[in-house]
Amino acid sequence: MTDRDTIATLVKETLVREAKLPMPATELADTLSFNGDVSVNSLGFIRAVIALEDELEIETSDEALMQARFNTVGELVDFFVAAVAGREAAE
């Protein structure tokens, strides 16, 4: 089972890499907002989501992504924690 800390680290490292953020992943606190604290454009965000799906070996539906609200880094982490838990439960 993959724990939240492991997934959080992966999400943050992937965001920094794919969205080309000018900060280390260790500075991305869960409470940082995508609406002011962290500037991620839509292309960088989608690239990060696709990379995370590949890395975590999951598929998220377009519908699930459209319904989710990603106001903070922590909400994105929680989304992928839930997706991994769903995959593991199905195995």
N, C-alpha and C. Protein backbone atom coordinates (compact mmCIF):
# COMPACT_ATOMS: atom_id res chain seq x y z
N MET A 1 0.85 -1.19 0.00
CA MET A 1 0.00 0.00 0.00
C MET A 1 0.89 1.24 0.00
N THR A 2 0.52 2.21 -0.75
CA THR A 2 1.26 3.47 -0.84
C THR A 2 0.65 4.46 0.15
N ASP A 3 1.48 5.04 1.01
CA ASP A 3 0.96 5.95 2.02
C ASP A 3 0.87 7.38 1.50
N ARG A 4 0.17 8.22 2.26
CA ARG A 4 -0.07 9.60 1.83
C ARG A 4 1.23 10.37 1.67
N ASP A 5 2.18 10.17 2.58
CA ASP A 5 3.45 10.91 2.48
C ASP A 5 4.20 10.60 1.19
N THR A 6 4.19 9.33 0.80
CA THR A 6 4.87 8.93 -0.44
C THR A 6 4.19 9.55 -1.65
N ILE A 7 2.86 9.50 -1.66
CA ILE A 7 2.11 10.10 -2.78
C ILE A 7 2.28 11.61 -2.78
N ALA A 8 2.27 12.24 -1.61
CA ALA A 8 2.44 13.70 -1.54
C ALA A 8 3.79 14.12 -2.12
N THR A 9 4.83 13.39 -1.77
CA THR A 9 6.16 13.69 -2.31
C THR A 9 6.16 13.56 -3.83
N LEU A 10 5.57 12.49 -4.33
CA LEU A 10 5.51 12.28 -5.78
C LEU A 10 4.72 13.38 -6.47
N VAL A 11 3.57 13.75 -5.92
CA VAL A 11 2.74 14.81 -6.51
C VAL A 11 3.53 16.12 -6.56
N LYS A 12 4.18 16.47 -5.48
CA LYS A 12 4.91 17.73 -5.41
C LYS A 12 6.10 17.75 -6.36
N GLU A 13 6.85 16.65 -6.40
CA GLU A 13 7.98 16.57 -7.33
C GLU A 13 7.51 16.65 -8.78
N THR A 14 6.39 16.00 -9.07
CA THR A 14 5.85 16.01 -10.43
C THR A 14 5.34 17.40 -10.80
N LEU A 15 4.67 18.08 -9.89
CA LEU A 15 4.22 19.45 -10.16
C LEU A 15 5.39 20.37 -10.47
N VAL A 16 6.44 20.29 -9.68
CA VAL A 16 7.61 21.14 -9.90
C VAL A 16 8.21 20.85 -11.28
N ARG A 17 8.34 19.57 -11.61
CA ARG A 17 8.96 19.18 -12.89
C ARG A 17 8.08 19.54 -14.09
N GLU A 18 6.83 19.12 -14.06
CA GLU A 18 5.95 19.27 -15.23
C GLU A 18 5.43 20.69 -15.41
N ALA A 19 5.20 21.39 -14.31
CA ALA A 19 4.70 22.76 -14.41
C ALA A 19 5.85 23.77 -14.39
N LYS A 20 7.08 23.24 -14.31
CA LYS A 20 8.28 24.08 -14.34
C LYS A 20 8.23 25.18 -13.26
N LEU A 21 7.89 24.76 -12.04
CA LEU A 21 7.82 25.70 -10.93
C LEU A 21 9.22 26.10 -10.49
N PRO A 22 9.41 27.36 -10.12
CA PRO A 22 10.73 27.86 -9.74
C PRO A 22 11.05 27.65 -8.26
N MET A 23 10.66 26.50 -7.72
CA MET A 23 10.91 26.20 -6.30
C MET A 23 11.09 24.71 -6.14
N PRO A 24 11.77 24.30 -5.08
CA PRO A 24 11.91 22.86 -4.84
C PRO A 24 10.59 22.29 -4.32
N ALA A 25 10.40 21.01 -4.57
CA ALA A 25 9.17 20.33 -4.13
C ALA A 25 8.99 20.41 -2.62
N THR A 26 10.07 20.49 -1.89
CA THR A 26 9.98 20.54 -0.43
C THR A 26 9.32 21.83 0.07
N GLU A 27 9.24 22.84 -0.78
CA GLU A 27 8.58 24.10 -0.40
C GLU A 27 7.10 24.11 -0.72
N LEU A 28 6.59 23.08 -1.35
CA LEU A 28 5.17 23.02 -1.70
C LEU A 28 4.37 22.42 -0.53
N ALA A 29 3.92 23.28 0.35
CA ALA A 29 3.10 22.83 1.48
C ALA A 29 1.70 22.48 0.98
N ASP A 30 1.05 21.56 1.66
CA ASP A 30 -0.30 21.17 1.28
C ASP A 30 -1.28 22.35 1.28
N THR A 31 -1.00 23.34 2.09
CA THR A 31 -1.92 24.48 2.22
C THR A 31 -1.74 25.55 1.15
N LEU A 32 -0.71 25.43 0.33
CA LEU A 32 -0.50 26.43 -0.73
C LEU A 32 -1.63 26.37 -1.76
N SER A 33 -2.09 27.53 -2.13
CA SER A 33 -3.22 27.66 -3.04
C SER A 33 -2.76 27.76 -4.49
N PHE A 34 -3.51 27.10 -5.37
CA PHE A 34 -3.26 27.24 -6.81
C PHE A 34 -3.79 28.58 -7.31
N ASN A 35 -4.57 29.25 -6.49
CA ASN A 35 -5.18 30.53 -6.86
C ASN A 35 -4.42 31.71 -6.28
N GLY A 36 -3.11 31.59 -6.16
CA GLY A 36 -2.34 32.72 -5.66
C GLY A 36 -0.95 32.37 -5.18
N ASP A 37 -0.83 31.30 -4.40
CA ASP A 37 0.47 30.94 -3.85
C ASP A 37 1.37 30.26 -4.86
N VAL A 38 0.78 29.40 -5.69
CA VAL A 38 1.53 28.60 -6.66
C VAL A 38 0.93 28.88 -8.04
N SER A 39 1.76 29.33 -8.95
CA SER A 39 1.28 29.65 -10.29
C SER A 39 1.53 28.46 -11.23
N VAL A 40 0.44 27.75 -11.53
CA VAL A 40 0.52 26.60 -12.44
C VAL A 40 -0.46 26.85 -13.57
N ASN A 41 0.04 26.90 -14.80
CA ASN A 41 -0.89 27.09 -15.92
C ASN A 41 -1.59 25.77 -16.24
N SER A 42 -2.63 25.84 -17.05
CA SER A 42 -3.45 24.66 -17.31
C SER A 42 -2.66 23.55 -18.01
N LEU A 43 -1.76 23.90 -18.91
CA LEU A 43 -0.96 22.89 -19.60
C LEU A 43 -0.03 22.18 -18.61
N GLY A 44 0.63 22.93 -17.75
CA GLY A 44 1.50 22.34 -16.75
C GLY A 44 0.73 21.44 -15.80
N PHE A 45 -0.47 21.85 -15.44
CA PHE A 45 -1.30 21.05 -14.54
C PHE A 45 -1.70 19.74 -15.20
N ILE A 46 -2.15 19.79 -16.44
CA ILE A 46 -2.55 18.57 -17.16
C ILE A 46 -1.35 17.65 -17.37
N ARG A 47 -0.20 18.22 -17.70
CA ARG A 47 1.01 17.40 -17.85
C ARG A 47 1.35 16.68 -16.54
N ALA A 48 1.19 17.38 -15.43
CA ALA A 48 1.46 16.78 -14.12
C ALA A 48 0.46 15.65 -13.84
N VAL A 49 -0.81 15.87 -14.13
CA VAL A 49 -1.83 14.84 -13.90
C VAL A 49 -1.54 13.59 -14.73
N ILE A 50 -1.20 13.77 -15.98
CA ILE A 50 -0.90 12.63 -16.86
C ILE A 50 0.34 11.89 -16.35
N ALA A 51 1.36 12.62 -15.96
CA ALA A 51 2.58 11.99 -15.44
C ALA A 51 2.28 11.22 -14.15
N LEU A 52 1.43 11.77 -13.30
CA LEU A 52 1.07 11.09 -12.05
C LEU A 52 0.26 9.83 -12.32
N GLU A 53 -0.64 9.89 -13.28
CA GLU A 53 -1.39 8.68 -13.66
C GLU A 53 -0.43 7.58 -14.10
N ASP A 54 0.54 7.94 -14.91
CA ASP A 54 1.52 6.96 -15.38
C ASP A 54 2.35 6.41 -14.22
N GLU A 55 2.85 7.30 -13.39
CA GLU A 55 3.72 6.90 -12.28
C GLU A 55 2.99 6.02 -11.26
N LEU A 56 1.74 6.36 -10.99
CA LEU A 56 0.96 5.63 -9.99
C LEU A 56 0.18 4.46 -10.58
N GLU A 57 0.28 4.30 -11.91
CA GLU A 57 -0.41 3.23 -12.62
C GLU A 57 -1.91 3.23 -12.37
N ILE A 58 -2.51 4.43 -12.56
CA ILE A 58 -3.94 4.59 -12.42
C ILE A 58 -4.48 5.36 -13.61
N GLU A 59 -5.78 5.29 -13.79
CA GLU A 59 -6.45 6.13 -14.78
C GLU A 59 -7.54 6.88 -14.07
N THR A 60 -7.59 8.18 -14.28
CA THR A 60 -8.66 8.98 -13.73
C THR A 60 -9.54 9.43 -14.89
N SER A 61 -10.82 9.38 -14.68
CA SER A 61 -11.73 9.76 -15.75
C SER A 61 -11.74 11.28 -15.90
N ASP A 62 -12.04 11.72 -17.11
CA ASP A 62 -12.17 13.15 -17.35
C ASP A 62 -13.26 13.72 -16.46
N GLU A 63 -14.32 12.95 -16.26
CA GLU A 63 -15.43 13.40 -15.42
C GLU A 63 -14.97 13.62 -13.97
N ALA A 64 -14.19 12.69 -13.44
CA ALA A 64 -13.70 12.83 -12.07
C ALA A 64 -12.82 14.07 -11.94
N LEU A 65 -11.99 14.31 -12.93
CA LEU A 65 -11.13 15.49 -12.90
C LEU A 65 -11.93 16.78 -13.01
N MET A 66 -12.98 16.76 -13.82
CA MET A 66 -13.80 17.96 -14.00
C MET A 66 -14.60 18.27 -12.73
N GLN A 67 -15.02 17.23 -12.00
CA GLN A 67 -15.81 17.44 -10.80
C GLN A 67 -14.96 17.82 -9.59
N ALA A 68 -13.70 17.46 -9.61
CA ALA A 68 -12.82 17.73 -8.48
C ALA A 68 -12.48 19.22 -8.41
N ARG A 69 -12.28 19.68 -7.20
CA ARG A 69 -11.86 21.06 -6.98
C ARG A 69 -10.44 21.02 -6.42
N PHE A 70 -9.52 21.59 -7.14
CA PHE A 70 -8.13 21.60 -6.72
C PHE A 70 -7.74 23.02 -6.36
N ASN A 71 -8.11 23.45 -5.17
CA ASN A 71 -7.75 24.78 -4.73
C ASN A 71 -6.36 24.82 -4.10
N THR A 72 -5.96 23.70 -3.51
CA THR A 72 -4.66 23.65 -2.83
C THR A 72 -3.86 22.44 -3.30
N VAL A 73 -2.59 22.47 -3.01
CA VAL A 73 -1.72 21.34 -3.31
C VAL A 73 -2.23 20.10 -2.57
N GLY A 74 -2.66 20.27 -1.34
CA GLY A 74 -3.16 19.16 -0.54
C GLY A 74 -4.39 18.50 -1.16
N GLU A 75 -5.25 19.28 -1.79
CA GLU A 75 -6.43 18.70 -2.44
C GLU A 75 -6.03 17.84 -3.63
N LEU A 76 -5.00 18.24 -4.34
CA LEU A 76 -4.50 17.42 -5.44
C LEU A 76 -3.89 16.14 -4.89
N VAL A 77 -3.14 16.24 -3.81
CA VAL A 77 -2.56 15.06 -3.17
C VAL A 77 -3.68 14.11 -2.75
N ASP A 78 -4.70 14.65 -2.08
CA ASP A 78 -5.82 13.81 -1.60
C ASP A 78 -6.54 13.12 -2.75
N PHE A 79 -6.67 13.79 -3.88
CA PHE A 79 -7.30 13.19 -5.06
C PHE A 79 -6.53 11.94 -5.49
N PHE A 80 -5.21 12.05 -5.54
CA PHE A 80 -4.41 10.90 -5.97
C PHE A 80 -4.30 9.83 -4.89
N VAL A 81 -4.34 10.21 -3.63
CA VAL A 81 -4.39 9.22 -2.55
C VAL A 81 -5.66 8.38 -2.70
N ALA A 82 -6.79 9.04 -2.93
CA ALA A 82 -8.06 8.32 -3.10
C ALA A 82 -8.05 7.44 -4.35
N ALA A 83 -7.46 7.93 -5.43
CA ALA A 83 -7.39 7.14 -6.66
C ALA A 83 -6.54 5.89 -6.47
N VAL A 84 -5.43 6.01 -5.77
CA VAL A 84 -4.58 4.85 -5.51
C VAL A 84 -5.30 3.87 -4.59
N ALA A 85 -5.98 4.39 -3.57
CA ALA A 85 -6.73 3.52 -2.66
C ALA A 85 -7.81 2.76 -3.42
N GLY A 86 -8.48 3.43 -4.35
CA GLY A 86 -9.50 2.77 -5.17
C GLY A 86 -8.92 1.67 -6.04
N ARG A 87 -7.75 1.93 -6.61
CA ARG A 87 -7.08 0.91 -7.42
C ARG A 87 -6.68 -0.29 -6.57
N GLU A 88 -6.12 -0.02 -5.39
CA GLU A 88 -5.69 -1.10 -4.51
C GLU A 88 -6.86 -1.93 -4.00
N ALA A 89 -8.00 -1.28 -3.76
CA ALA A 89 -9.19 -2.00 -3.29
C ALA A 89 -9.74 -2.91 -4.37
N ALA A 90 -9.55 -2.50 -5.64
CA ALA A 90 -10.06 -3.29 -6.76
C ALA A 90 -9.17 -4.48 -7.09
N GLU A 91 -7.94 -4.46 -6.60
CA GLU A 91 -6.99 -5.54 -6.94
C GLU A 91 -7.25 -6.79 -6.14
